[in-house]
PDB file of N, CA and C in Angstrom:
ATOM      1  N   MET A   1      48.166  19.194  -1.459  1.00  0.00           N
ATOM      2  CA  MET A   1      46.873  19.856  -1.468  1.00  0.00           C
ATOM      3  C   MET A   1      45.908  19.159  -2.435  1.00  0.00           C
ATOM      4  N   ARG A   2      46.436  18.782  -3.579  1.00  0.00           N
ATOM      5  CA  ARG A   2      45.610  18.129  -4.594  1.00  0.00           C
ATOM      6  C   ARG A   2      45.097  16.782  -4.082  1.00  0.00           C
ATOM      7  N   ASN A   3      45.946  16.025  -3.369  1.00  0.00           N
ATOM      8  CA  ASN A   3      45.546  14.735  -2.835  1.00  0.00           C
ATOM      9  C   ASN A   3      44.439  14.892  -1.789  1.00  0.00           C
ATOM     10  N   LYS A   4      44.517  15.937  -0.977  1.00  0.00           N
ATOM     11  CA  LYS A   4      43.493  16.164   0.037  1.00  0.00           C
ATOM     12  C   LYS A   4      42.145  16.460  -0.619  1.00  0.00           C
ATOM     13  N   ILE A   5      42.140  17.212  -1.702  1.00  0.00           N
ATOM     14  CA  ILE A   5      40.902  17.538  -2.404  1.00  0.00           C
ATOM     15  C   ILE A   5      40.305  16.268  -3.008  1.00  0.00           C
ATOM     16  N   ILE A   6      41.150  15.416  -3.550  1.00  0.00           N
ATOM     17  CA  ILE A   6      40.668  14.157  -4.128  1.00  0.00           C
ATOM     18  C   ILE A   6      40.076  13.268  -3.039  1.00  0.00           C
ATOM     19  N   ILE A   7      40.738  13.189  -1.881  1.00  0.00           N
ATOM     20  CA  ILE A   7      40.248  12.369  -0.778  1.00  0.00           C
ATOM     21  C   ILE A   7      38.915  12.913  -0.262  1.00  0.00           C
ATOM     22  N   VAL A   8      38.828  14.214  -0.060  1.00  0.00           N
ATOM     23  CA  VAL A   8      37.583  14.822   0.413  1.00  0.00           C
ATOM     24  C   VAL A   8      36.472  14.613  -0.620  1.00  0.00           C
ATOM     25  N   GLY A   9      36.792  14.768  -1.885  1.00  0.00           N
ATOM     26  CA  GLY A   9      35.799  14.542  -2.945  1.00  0.00           C
ATOM     27  C   GLY A   9      35.321  13.099  -2.964  1.00  0.00           C
ATOM     28  N   ALA A  10      36.240  12.156  -2.758  1.00  0.00           N
ATOM     29  CA  ALA A  10      35.857  10.742  -2.729  1.00  0.00           C
ATOM     30  C   ALA A  10      34.969  10.454  -1.528  1.00  0.00           C
ATOM     31  N   ILE A  11      35.272  11.039  -0.384  1.00  0.00           N
ATOM     32  CA  ILE A  11      34.453  10.840   0.814  1.00  0.00           C
ATOM     33  C   ILE A  11      33.062  11.424   0.598  1.00  0.00           C
ATOM     34  N   VAL A  12      32.987  12.607   0.040  1.00  0.00           N
ATOM     35  CA  VAL A  12      31.691  13.234  -0.225  1.00  0.00           C
ATOM     36  C   VAL A  12      30.883  12.399  -1.215  1.00  0.00           C
ATOM     37  N   ALA A  13      31.529  11.899  -2.257  1.00  0.00           N
ATOM     38  CA  ALA A  13      30.836  11.072  -3.244  1.00  0.00           C
ATOM     39  C   ALA A  13      30.327   9.782  -2.604  1.00  0.00           C
ATOM     40  N   PHE A  14      31.129   9.173  -1.740  1.00  0.00           N
ATOM     41  CA  PHE A  14      30.721   7.944  -1.062  1.00  0.00           C
ATOM     42  C   PHE A  14      29.528   8.208  -0.150  1.00  0.00           C
ATOM     43  N   ILE A  15      29.560   9.280   0.613  1.00  0.00           N
ATOM     44  CA  ILE A  15      28.452   9.609   1.514  1.00  0.00           C
ATOM     45  C   ILE A  15      27.184   9.893   0.704  1.00  0.00           C
ATOM     46  N   TYR A  16      27.321  10.605  -0.405  1.00  0.00           N
ATOM     47  CA  TYR A  16      26.164  10.874  -1.259  1.00  0.00           C
ATOM     48  C   TYR A  16      25.592   9.562  -1.811  1.00  0.00           C
ATOM     49  N   TRP A  17      26.459   8.682  -2.270  1.00  0.00           N
ATOM     50  CA  TRP A  17      26.020   7.402  -2.826  1.00  0.00           C
ATOM     51  C   TRP A  17      25.301   6.559  -1.786  1.00  0.00           C
ATOM     52  N   ARG A  18      25.838   6.509  -0.571  1.00  0.00           N
ATOM     53  CA  ARG A  18      25.203   5.734   0.502  1.00  0.00           C
ATOM     54  C   ARG A  18      23.845   6.339   0.883  1.00  0.00           C
ATOM     55  N   GLY A  19      23.763   7.638   0.950  1.00  0.00           N
ATOM     56  CA  GLY A  19      22.505   8.293   1.295  1.00  0.00           C
ATOM     57  C   GLY A  19      21.447   8.107   0.230  1.00  0.00           C
ATOM     58  N   ALA A  20      21.853   8.103  -1.026  1.00  0.00           N
ATOM     59  CA  ALA A  20      20.898   7.924  -2.118  1.00  0.00           C
ATOM     60  C   ALA A  20      20.360   6.502  -2.131  1.00  0.00           C
ATOM     61  N   ARG A  21      21.150   5.537  -1.720  1.00  0.00           N
ATOM     62  CA  ARG A  21      20.718   4.138  -1.727  1.00  0.00           C
ATOM     63  C   ARG A  21      19.974   3.758  -0.453  1.00  0.00           C
ATOM     64  N   SER A  22      20.032   4.569   0.567  1.00  0.00           N
ATOM     65  CA  SER A  22      19.455   4.182   1.849  1.00  0.00           C
ATOM     66  C   SER A  22      17.933   4.116   1.823  1.00  0.00           C
ATOM     67  N   HIS A  23      17.286   4.784   0.880  1.00  0.00           N
ATOM     68  CA  HIS A  23      15.830   4.808   0.839  1.00  0.00           C
ATOM     69  C   HIS A  23      15.249   3.759  -0.093  1.00  0.00           C
ATOM     70  N   ARG A  24      16.090   2.957  -0.704  1.00  0.00           N
ATOM     71  CA  ARG A  24      15.608   1.908  -1.595  1.00  0.00           C
ATOM     72  C   ARG A  24      15.269   0.661  -0.795  1.00  0.00           C
ATOM     73  N   PRO A  25      14.308  -0.111  -1.261  1.00  0.00           N
ATOM     74  CA  PRO A  25      13.982  -1.351  -0.547  1.00  0.00           C
ATOM     75  C   PRO A  25      15.104  -2.381  -0.695  1.00  0.00           C
ATOM     76  N   VAL A  26      15.178  -3.264   0.257  1.00  0.00           N
ATOM     77  CA  VAL A  26      16.179  -4.313   0.228  1.00  0.00           C
ATOM     78  C   VAL A  26      15.768  -5.342  -0.809  1.00  0.00           C
ATOM     79  N   LYS A  27      16.705  -5.781  -1.634  1.00  0.00           N
ATOM     80  CA  LYS A  27      16.373  -6.716  -2.707  1.00  0.00           C
ATOM     81  C   LYS A  27      15.983  -8.087  -2.177  1.00  0.00           C
ATOM     82  N   GLY A  28      16.525  -8.493  -1.060  1.00  0.00           N
ATOM     83  CA  GLY A  28      16.265  -9.826  -0.541  1.00  0.00           C
ATOM     84  C   GLY A  28      14.863 -10.009  -0.008  1.00  0.00           C
ATOM     85  N   LYS A  29      14.245  -8.966   0.474  1.00  0.00           N
ATOM     86  CA  LYS A  29      12.915  -9.058   1.072  1.00  0.00           C
ATOM     87  C   LYS A  29      11.890  -8.510   0.094  1.00  0.00           C
ATOM     88  N   ARG A  30      11.201  -9.406  -0.588  1.00  0.00           N
ATOM     89  CA  ARG A  30      10.171  -8.977  -1.527  1.00  0.00           C
ATOM     90  C   ARG A  30       8.836  -8.924  -0.804  1.00  0.00           C
ATOM     91  N   PRO A  31       7.994  -7.986  -1.166  1.00  0.00           N
ATOM     92  CA  PRO A  31       6.672  -7.953  -0.549  1.00  0.00           C
ATOM     93  C   PRO A  31       5.861  -9.172  -0.992  1.00  0.00           C
ATOM     94  N   GLU A  32       4.922  -9.553  -0.161  1.00  0.00           N
ATOM     95  CA  GLU A  32       4.098 -10.706  -0.464  1.00  0.00           C
ATOM     96  C   GLU A  32       3.210 -10.413  -1.671  1.00  0.00           C
ATOM     97  N   THR A  33       3.152 -11.337  -2.595  1.00  0.00           N
ATOM     98  CA  THR A  33       2.347 -11.121  -3.795  1.00  0.00           C
ATOM     99  C   THR A  33       0.862 -11.258  -3.458  1.00  0.00           C
ATOM    100  N   VAL A  34       0.035 -10.749  -4.340  1.00  0.00           N
ATOM    101  CA  VAL A  34      -1.407 -10.804  -4.129  1.00  0.00           C
ATOM    102  C   VAL A  34      -1.863 -12.258  -4.109  1.00  0.00           C
ATOM    103  N   ARG A  35      -1.279 -13.086  -4.964  1.00  0.00           N
ATOM    104  CA  ARG A  35      -1.658 -14.494  -5.014  1.00  0.00           C
ATOM    105  C   ARG A  35      -1.364 -15.186  -3.689  1.00  0.00           C
ATOM    106  N   HIS A  36      -0.196 -14.907  -3.113  1.00  0.00           N
ATOM    107  CA  HIS A  36       0.148 -15.527  -1.842  1.00  0.00           C
ATOM    108  C   HIS A  36      -0.745 -15.011  -0.707  1.00  0.00           C
ATOM    109  N   GLN A  37      -1.092 -13.752  -0.757  1.00  0.00           N
ATOM    110  CA  GLN A  37      -2.000 -13.211   0.247  1.00  0.00           C
ATOM    111  C   GLN A  37      -3.358 -13.902   0.161  1.00  0.00           C
ATOM    112  N   ALA A  38      -3.847 -14.075  -1.063  1.00  0.00           N
ATOM    113  CA  ALA A  38      -5.154 -14.721  -1.247  1.00  0.00           C
ATOM    114  C   ALA A  38      -5.115 -16.170  -0.756  1.00  0.00           C
ATOM    115  N   GLU A  39      -4.035 -16.882  -1.067  1.00  0.00           N
ATOM    116  CA  GLU A  39      -3.918 -18.268  -0.600  1.00  0.00           C
ATOM    117  C   GLU A  39      -3.875 -18.333   0.927  1.00  0.00           C
ATOM    118  N   ARG A  40      -3.111 -17.438   1.526  1.00  0.00           N
ATOM    119  CA  ARG A  40      -2.987 -17.432   2.983  1.00  0.00           C
ATOM    120  C   ARG A  40      -4.342 -17.133   3.632  1.00  0.00           C
ATOM    121  N   LEU A  41      -5.081 -16.172   3.082  1.00  0.00           N
ATOM    122  CA  LEU A  41      -6.388 -15.839   3.635  1.00  0.00           C
ATOM    123  C   LEU A  41      -7.405 -16.950   3.390  1.00  0.00           C
ATOM    124  N   TRP A  42      -7.319 -17.622   2.245  1.00  0.00           N
ATOM    125  CA  TRP A  42      -8.263 -18.694   1.937  1.00  0.00           C
ATOM    126  C   TRP A  42      -8.060 -19.879   2.879  1.00  0.00           C
ATOM    127  N   LYS A  43      -6.823 -20.158   3.245  1.00  0.00           N
ATOM    128  CA  LYS A  43      -6.517 -21.299   4.109  1.00  0.00           C
ATOM    129  C   LYS A  43      -6.640 -20.979   5.596  1.00  0.00           C
ATOM    130  N   ASP A  44      -6.957 -19.747   5.933  1.00  0.00           N
ATOM    131  CA  ASP A  44      -7.096 -19.346   7.325  1.00  0.00           C
ATOM    132  C   ASP A  44      -8.256 -20.110   7.968  1.00  0.00           C
ATOM    133  N   PRO A  45      -8.059 -20.721   9.147  1.00  0.00           N
ATOM    134  CA  PRO A  45      -9.137 -21.499   9.784  1.00  0.00           C
ATOM    135  C   PRO A  45     -10.391 -20.681  10.061  1.00  0.00           C
ATOM    136  N   LYS A  46     -10.241 -19.428  10.437  1.00  0.00           N
ATOM    137  CA  LYS A  46     -11.415 -18.593  10.704  1.00  0.00           C
ATOM    138  C   LYS A  46     -12.211 -18.365   9.420  1.00  0.00           C
ATOM    139  N   ALA A  47     -11.511 -18.174   8.314  1.00  0.00           N
ATOM    140  CA  ALA A  47     -12.196 -17.960   7.038  1.00  0.00           C
ATOM    141  C   ALA A  47     -12.910 -19.222   6.597  1.00  0.00           C
ATOM    142  N   GLU A  48     -12.292 -20.388   6.800  1.00  0.00           N
ATOM    143  CA  GLU A  48     -12.938 -21.653   6.435  1.00  0.00           C
ATOM    144  C   GLU A  48     -14.218 -21.845   7.246  1.00  0.00           C
ATOM    145  N   LYS A  49     -14.164 -21.523   8.522  1.00  0.00           N
ATOM    146  CA  LYS A  49     -15.338 -21.662   9.389  1.00  0.00           C
ATOM    147  C   LYS A  49     -16.463 -20.724   8.910  1.00  0.00           C
ATOM    148  N   ALA A  50     -16.096 -19.493   8.564  1.00  0.00           N
ATOM    149  CA  ALA A  50     -17.094 -18.530   8.095  1.00  0.00           C
ATOM    150  C   ALA A  50     -17.705 -18.983   6.776  1.00  0.00           C
ATOM    151  N   ARG A  51     -16.879 -19.536   5.863  1.00  0.00           N
ATOM    152  CA  ARG A  51     -17.417 -20.033   4.592  1.00  0.00           C
ATOM    153  C   ARG A  51     -18.368 -21.204   4.823  1.00  0.00           C
ATOM    154  N   ARG A  52     -18.024 -22.084   5.745  1.00  0.00           N
ATOM    155  CA  ARG A  52     -18.875 -23.241   6.039  1.00  0.00           C
ATOM    156  C   ARG A  52     -20.225 -22.779   6.588  1.00  0.00           C
ATOM    157  N   LYS A  53     -20.204 -21.819   7.526  1.00  0.00           N
ATOM    158  CA  LYS A  53     -21.458 -21.303   8.089  1.00  0.00           C
ATOM    159  C   LYS A  53     -22.313 -20.639   7.011  1.00  0.00           C
ATOM    160  N   LEU A  54     -21.678 -19.864   6.146  1.00  0.00           N
ATOM    161  CA  LEU A  54     -22.408 -19.190   5.082  1.00  0.00           C
ATOM    162  C   LEU A  54     -23.018 -20.204   4.124  1.00  0.00           C
ATOM    163  N   ALA A  55     -22.271 -21.256   3.815  1.00  0.00           N
ATOM    164  CA  ALA A  55     -22.800 -22.295   2.924  1.00  0.00           C
ATOM    165  C   ALA A  55     -24.006 -22.978   3.555  1.00  0.00           C
ATOM    166  N   GLU A  56     -23.963 -23.208   4.856  1.00  0.00           N
ATOM    167  CA  GLU A  56     -25.104 -23.818   5.542  1.00  0.00           C
ATOM    168  C   GLU A  56     -26.323 -22.906   5.495  1.00  0.00           C
ATOM    169  N   LYS A  57     -26.105 -21.591   5.739  1.00  0.00           N
ATOM    170  CA  LYS A  57     -27.222 -20.643   5.691  1.00  0.00           C
ATOM    171  C   LYS A  57     -27.845 -20.601   4.304  1.00  0.00           C
ATOM    172  N   VAL A  58     -26.997 -20.528   3.286  1.00  0.00           N
ATOM    173  CA  VAL A  58     -27.501 -20.467   1.920  1.00  0.00           C
ATOM    174  C   VAL A  58     -28.214 -21.767   1.572  1.00  0.00           C
ATOM    175  N   GLY A  59     -27.665 -22.885   2.006  1.00  0.00           N
ATOM    176  CA  GLY A  59     -28.305 -24.179   1.754  1.00  0.00           C
ATOM    177  C   GLY A  59     -29.671 -24.263   2.404  1.00  0.00           C
ATOM    178  N   ASN A  60     -29.779 -23.758   3.635  1.00  0.00           N
ATOM    179  CA  ASN A  60     -31.075 -23.763   4.328  1.00  0.00           C
ATOM    180  C   ASN A  60     -32.089 -22.864   3.620  1.00  0.00           C
ATOM    181  N   LYS A  61     -31.657 -21.698   3.148  1.00  0.00           N
ATOM    182  CA  LYS A  61     -32.568 -20.771   2.466  1.00  0.00           C
ATOM    183  C   LYS A  61     -33.035 -21.378   1.152  1.00  0.00           C
ATOM    184  N   VAL A  62     -32.121 -21.976   0.403  1.00  0.00           N
ATOM    185  CA  VAL A  62     -32.483 -22.583  -0.863  1.00  0.00           C
ATOM    186  C   VAL A  62     -33.404 -23.776  -0.635  1.00  0.00           C
ATOM    187  N   GLY A  63     -33.158 -24.520   0.437  1.00  0.00           N
ATOM    188  CA  GLY A  63     -34.019 -25.666   0.770  1.00  0.00           C
ATOM    189  C   GLY A  63     -35.448 -25.235   1.050  1.00  0.00           C
ATOM    190  N   HIS A  64     -35.627 -24.083   1.733  1.00  0.00           N
ATOM    191  CA  HIS A  64     -36.975 -23.590   2.012  1.00  0.00           C
ATOM    192  C   HIS A  64     -37.665 -23.112   0.743  1.00  0.00           C
ATOM    193  N   LEU A  65     -36.939 -22.590  -0.211  1.00  0.00           N
ATOM    194  CA  LEU A  65     -37.530 -22.094  -1.424  1.00  0.00           C
ATOM    195  C   LEU A  65     -37.978 -23.224  -2.343  1.00  0.00           C
ATOM    196  N   THR A  66     -37.298 -24.342  -2.309  1.00  0.00           N
ATOM    197  CA  THR A  66     -37.647 -25.434  -3.226  1.00  0.00           C
ATOM    198  C   THR A  66     -38.810 -26.268  -2.704  1.00  0.00           C
ATOM    199  N   LYS A  67     -39.144 -26.170  -1.453  1.00  0.00           N
ATOM    200  CA  LYS A  67     -40.245 -26.984  -0.884  1.00  0.00           C
ATOM    201  C   LYS A  67     -41.592 -26.405  -1.179  1.00  0.00           C
TER     202      LYS A  67
END
């Protein structure tokens, strides 16, 4: 009888331990850092095109003001 109680207690403890750990994030997969996100967005071709167009617009406006 004593052995059965120990076995059942061990099973309950194991199930509790597994359930408590199931909601934690996986250590191997880290979220992307802010720095990496910024680099990825800065190197995006669409963003480069938008920056180039904006620079041209600003250059044209400044050119009209200096004349």
